[in-house]
């Protein structure tokens, strides 16, 4: 992956973000899949982070959002910058293939990480009224 093929930080930050997020650096678990910018990460008992849903991690372990472009733990000792708060575009976030972002959304919110565009990733349903075309019963002002 080259720098041009990844996501910009502005791609994952939500429109309502006030740049008021806490960022910390953590060691990446050697058994973690590759982390890309926008990966939801969970903290393991040993203090390292892994991709949400990987290595037996679950919603109770959710910890933050990876900010680095790409982190490959196979390359040896790896660290990643993790956002511990803020507003993010749910369509740009990544979790392990074995889970859904929906599984982690409530815990993220409890930890100060808020998601936008939830209806676009199926976390909240789109109200029926928003999907049905309005039918006008009004008569035209000038019927001629």
C-alpha atoms as a PDB file:
ATOM      1  CA  UNK A   1       0.000   0.000   0.000  1.00  0.00           C
ATOM      2  CA  UNK A   2       1.355   3.409  -0.835  1.00  0.00           C
ATOM      3  CA  UNK A   3       0.453   6.705   0.791  1.00  0.00           C
ATOM      4  CA  UNK A   4      -1.910   7.624  -2.046  1.00  0.00           C
ATOM      5  CA  UNK A   5      -4.018   4.485  -1.683  1.00  0.00           C
ATOM      6  CA  UNK A   6      -4.961   5.019   1.983  1.00  0.00           C
ATOM      7  CA  UNK A   7      -7.511   7.190   3.728  1.00  0.00           C
ATOM      8  CA  UNK A   8      -6.785  10.743   4.761  1.00  0.00           C
ATOM      9  CA  UNK A   9      -7.470  11.608   8.377  1.00  0.00           C
ATOM     10  CA  UNK A  10     -10.193  13.955   7.138  1.00  0.00           C
ATOM     11  CA  UNK A  11     -11.919  10.913   5.555  1.00  0.00           C
ATOM     12  CA  UNK A  12     -12.597   9.312   8.927  1.00  0.00           C
ATOM     13  CA  UNK A  13     -13.250  12.413  11.043  1.00  0.00           C
ATOM     14  CA  UNK A  14     -16.949  13.271  11.339  1.00  0.00           C
ATOM     15  CA  UNK A  15     -18.395  16.540  10.119  1.00  0.00           C
ATOM     16  CA  UNK A  16     -19.345  17.536  13.660  1.00  0.00           C
ATOM     17  CA  UNK A  17     -15.842  17.053  15.031  1.00  0.00           C
ATOM     18  CA  UNK A  18     -14.440  20.023  16.877  1.00  0.00           C
ATOM     19  CA  UNK A  19     -10.907  18.568  16.848  1.00  0.00           C
ATOM     20  CA  UNK A  20     -11.371  17.832  20.518  1.00  0.00           C
ATOM     21  CA  UNK A  21     -10.068  14.286  20.598  1.00  0.00           C
ATOM     22  CA  UNK A  22      -7.546  12.581  22.824  1.00  0.00           C
ATOM     23  CA  UNK A  23      -4.811  10.660  21.037  1.00  0.00           C
ATOM     24  CA  UNK A  24      -2.446   8.187  22.708  1.00  0.00           C
ATOM     25  CA  UNK A  25       0.168   5.747  21.399  1.00  0.00           C
ATOM     26  CA  UNK A  26      -0.158   2.020  22.157  1.00  0.00           C
ATOM     27  CA  UNK A  27       1.720  -1.153  21.296  1.00  0.00           C
ATOM     28  CA  UNK A  28       0.001  -3.352  18.717  1.00  0.00           C
ATOM     29  CA  UNK A  29      -0.480  -7.028  19.547  1.00  0.00           C
ATOM     30  CA  UNK A  30       1.806  -9.283  17.506  1.00  0.00           C
ATOM     31  CA  UNK A  31      -1.254 -11.413  16.655  1.00  0.00           C
ATOM     32  CA  UNK A  32      -3.345  -8.505  15.392  1.00  0.00           C
ATOM     33  CA  UNK A  33      -4.338  -8.257  11.738  1.00  0.00           C
ATOM     34  CA  UNK A  34      -2.961  -5.263   9.846  1.00  0.00           C
ATOM     35  CA  UNK A  35      -4.433  -2.031  11.197  1.00  0.00           C
ATOM     36  CA  UNK A  36      -5.395   0.714   8.768  1.00  0.00           C
ATOM     37  CA  UNK A  37      -6.505   4.255   9.461  1.00  0.00           C
ATOM     38  CA  UNK A  38     -10.057   4.044  10.786  1.00  0.00           C
ATOM     39  CA  UNK A  39      -9.646   0.603  12.369  1.00  0.00           C
ATOM     40  CA  UNK A  40     -11.655   0.196  15.556  1.00  0.00           C
ATOM     41  CA  UNK A  41      -9.256  -1.251  18.117  1.00  0.00           C
ATOM     42  CA  UNK A  42      -9.742  -3.194  21.320  1.00  0.00           C
ATOM     43  CA  UNK A  43      -7.357  -3.253  24.257  1.00  0.00           C
ATOM     44  CA  UNK A  44      -6.188  -6.652  25.397  1.00  0.00           C
ATOM     45  CA  UNK A  45      -5.332  -7.673  28.969  1.00  0.00           C
ATOM     46  CA  UNK A  46      -1.599  -7.223  28.252  1.00  0.00           C
ATOM     47  CA  UNK A  47      -2.159  -3.552  27.305  1.00  0.00           C
ATOM     48  CA  UNK A  48      -1.668  -4.005  23.558  1.00  0.00           C
ATOM     49  CA  UNK A  49      -4.344  -3.206  20.991  1.00  0.00           C
ATOM     50  CA  UNK A  50      -5.808  -5.353  18.239  1.00  0.00           C
ATOM     51  CA  UNK A  51      -8.442  -4.960  15.530  1.00  0.00           C
ATOM     52  CA  UNK A  52     -11.949  -5.057  17.017  1.00  0.00           C
ATOM     53  CA  UNK A  53     -13.227  -8.627  16.852  1.00  0.00           C
ATOM     54  CA  UNK A  54      -9.780 -10.167  16.307  1.00  0.00           C
ATOM     55  CA  UNK A  55      -7.962 -12.296  18.868  1.00  0.00           C
ATOM     56  CA  UNK A  56     -11.158 -12.946  20.803  1.00  0.00           C
ATOM     57  CA  UNK A  57     -11.811  -9.262  21.502  1.00  0.00           C
ATOM     58  CA  UNK A  58     -15.367  -8.047  21.913  1.00  0.00           C
ATOM     59  CA  UNK A  59     -17.437  -4.937  22.593  1.00  0.00           C
ATOM     60  CA  UNK A  60     -16.369  -4.726  26.238  1.00  0.00           C
ATOM     61  CA  UNK A  61     -12.744  -4.392  25.082  1.00  0.00           C
ATOM     62  CA  UNK A  62     -13.310  -1.586  22.559  1.00  0.00           C
ATOM     63  CA  UNK A  63     -10.754   1.145  23.076  1.00  0.00           C
ATOM     64  CA  UNK A  64     -10.507   3.630  20.213  1.00  0.00           C
ATOM     65  CA  UNK A  65      -9.830   4.356  16.544  1.00  0.00           C
ATOM     66  CA  UNK A  66      -6.431   3.781  14.885  1.00  0.00           C
ATOM     67  CA  UNK A  67      -5.102   6.924  13.207  1.00  0.00           C
ATOM     68  CA  UNK A  68      -1.971   5.634  11.453  1.00  0.00           C
ATOM     69  CA  UNK A  69      -2.162   4.973   7.717  1.00  0.00           C
ATOM     70  CA  UNK A  70      -1.081   1.314   7.982  1.00  0.00           C
ATOM     71  CA  UNK A  71       0.405  -0.705  10.838  1.00  0.00           C
ATOM     72  CA  UNK A  72       1.614  -4.236  10.112  1.00  0.00           C
ATOM     73  CA  UNK A  73       2.385  -6.059  13.364  1.00  0.00           C
ATOM     74  CA  UNK A  74       4.231  -8.800  11.426  1.00  0.00           C
ATOM     75  CA  UNK A  75       7.010  -6.293  10.782  1.00  0.00           C
ATOM     76  CA  UNK A  76       8.044  -6.564  14.447  1.00  0.00           C
ATOM     77  CA  UNK A  77       7.507  -4.197  17.334  1.00  0.00           C
ATOM     78  CA  UNK A  78       4.678  -1.905  16.239  1.00  0.00           C
ATOM     79  CA  UNK A  79       2.834   1.014  17.786  1.00  0.00           C
ATOM     80  CA  UNK A  80      -0.202   2.941  16.630  1.00  0.00           C
ATOM     81  CA  UNK A  81      -1.780   6.263  17.496  1.00  0.00           C
ATOM     82  CA  UNK A  82      -5.239   5.661  18.946  1.00  0.00           C
ATOM     83  CA  UNK A  83      -7.973   8.296  19.190  1.00  0.00           C
ATOM     84  CA  UNK A  84      -9.772   7.841  22.502  1.00  0.00           C
ATOM     85  CA  UNK A  85     -12.553  10.347  21.770  1.00  0.00           C
ATOM     86  CA  UNK A  86     -14.056  12.331  18.906  1.00  0.00           C
ATOM     87  CA  UNK A  87     -16.626  12.049  16.115  1.00  0.00           C
ATOM     88  CA  UNK A  88     -16.055   9.647  13.205  1.00  0.00           C
ATOM     89  CA  UNK A  89     -17.689   8.676   9.912  1.00  0.00           C
ATOM     90  CA  UNK A  90     -19.054   5.150  10.461  1.00  0.00           C
ATOM     91  CA  UNK A  91     -18.788   4.359   6.740  1.00  0.00           C
ATOM     92  CA  UNK A  92     -14.995   4.713   6.960  1.00  0.00           C
ATOM     93  CA  UNK A  93     -14.368   2.546  10.037  1.00  0.00           C
ATOM     94  CA  UNK A  94     -13.056  -1.032   9.919  1.00  0.00           C
ATOM     95  CA  UNK A  95     -13.579  -4.043  12.208  1.00  0.00           C
ATOM     96  CA  UNK A  96     -12.599  -7.702  11.822  1.00  0.00           C
ATOM     97  CA  UNK A  97     -14.588  -9.686   9.222  1.00  0.00           C
ATOM     98  CA  UNK A  98     -15.984 -11.891  12.011  1.00  0.00           C
ATOM     99  CA  UNK A  99     -17.963  -9.006  13.591  1.00  0.00           C
ATOM    100  CA  UNK A 100     -20.015  -5.951  12.621  1.00  0.00           C
ATOM    101  CA  UNK A 101     -19.405  -2.313  13.554  1.00  0.00           C
ATOM    102  CA  UNK A 102     -22.894  -2.388  15.037  1.00  0.00           C
ATOM    103  CA  UNK A 103     -21.586  -4.742  17.758  1.00  0.00           C
ATOM    104  CA  UNK A 104     -19.242  -2.005  19.012  1.00  0.00           C
ATOM    105  CA  UNK A 105     -21.259   1.200  18.449  1.00  0.00           C
ATOM    106  CA  UNK A 106     -22.833   1.448  21.915  1.00  0.00           C
ATOM    107  CA  UNK A 107     -19.544   0.836  23.731  1.00  0.00           C
ATOM    108  CA  UNK A 108     -17.753   3.363  21.531  1.00  0.00           C
ATOM    109  CA  UNK A 109     -20.336   5.990  22.454  1.00  0.00           C
ATOM    110  CA  UNK A 110     -19.981   5.160  26.161  1.00  0.00           C
ATOM    111  CA  UNK A 111     -16.236   5.758  25.815  1.00  0.00           C
ATOM    112  CA  UNK A 112     -16.631   9.168  24.152  1.00  0.00           C
ATOM    113  CA  UNK A 113     -16.348   8.079  20.522  1.00  0.00           C
ATOM    114  CA  UNK A 114     -19.353   9.137  18.475  1.00  0.00           C
ATOM    115  CA  UNK A 115     -20.306   7.878  15.026  1.00  0.00           C
ATOM    116  CA  UNK A 116     -22.021   9.681  12.168  1.00  0.00           C
ATOM    117  CA  UNK A 117     -23.901   8.110   9.222  1.00  0.00           C
ATOM    118  CA  UNK A 118     -25.151   5.206  11.337  1.00  0.00           C
ATOM    119  CA  UNK A 119     -28.090   4.614   9.014  1.00  0.00           C
ATOM    120  CA  UNK A 120     -25.686   4.123   6.096  1.00  0.00           C
ATOM    121  CA  UNK A 121     -24.040   1.143   7.804  1.00  0.00           C
ATOM    122  CA  UNK A 122     -27.271  -0.355   9.142  1.00  0.00           C
ATOM    123  CA  UNK A 123     -26.768   0.566  12.799  1.00  0.00           C
ATOM    124  CA  UNK A 124     -29.967   2.569  12.986  1.00  0.00           C
ATOM    125  CA  UNK A 125     -32.903   2.019  10.654  1.00  0.00           C
ATOM    126  CA  UNK A 126     -33.986   4.715   8.257  1.00  0.00           C
ATOM    127  CA  UNK A 127     -37.485   5.855   9.274  1.00  0.00           C
ATOM    128  CA  UNK A 128     -40.163   4.652   6.873  1.00  0.00           C
ATOM    129  CA  UNK A 129     -41.356   8.201   6.300  1.00  0.00           C
ATOM    130  CA  UNK A 130     -37.917   9.130   4.986  1.00  0.00           C
ATOM    131  CA  UNK A 131     -38.026   6.388   2.349  1.00  0.00           C
ATOM    132  CA  UNK A 132     -41.565   6.946   1.048  1.00  0.00           C
ATOM    133  CA  UNK A 133     -42.094   9.690  -1.515  1.00  0.00           C
ATOM    134  CA  UNK A 134     -44.509  12.309  -0.216  1.00  0.00           C
ATOM    135  CA  UNK A 135     -47.881  12.352  -1.923  1.00  0.00           C
ATOM    136  CA  UNK A 136     -49.274  15.786  -2.365  1.00  0.00           C
ATOM    137  CA  UNK A 137     -53.012  16.278  -1.757  1.00  0.00           C
ATOM    138  CA  UNK A 138     -52.853  20.001  -2.442  1.00  0.00           C
ATOM    139  CA  UNK A 139     -54.562  21.412  -5.494  1.00  0.00           C
ATOM    140  CA  UNK A 140     -52.568  23.721  -7.764  1.00  0.00           C
ATOM    141  CA  UNK A 141     -53.223  27.410  -7.234  1.00  0.00           C
ATOM    142  CA  UNK A 142     -53.925  27.952 -10.910  1.00  0.00           C
ATOM    143  CA  UNK A 143     -55.592  24.795 -12.288  1.00  0.00           C
ATOM    144  CA  UNK A 144     -55.517  26.044 -15.893  1.00  0.00           C
END
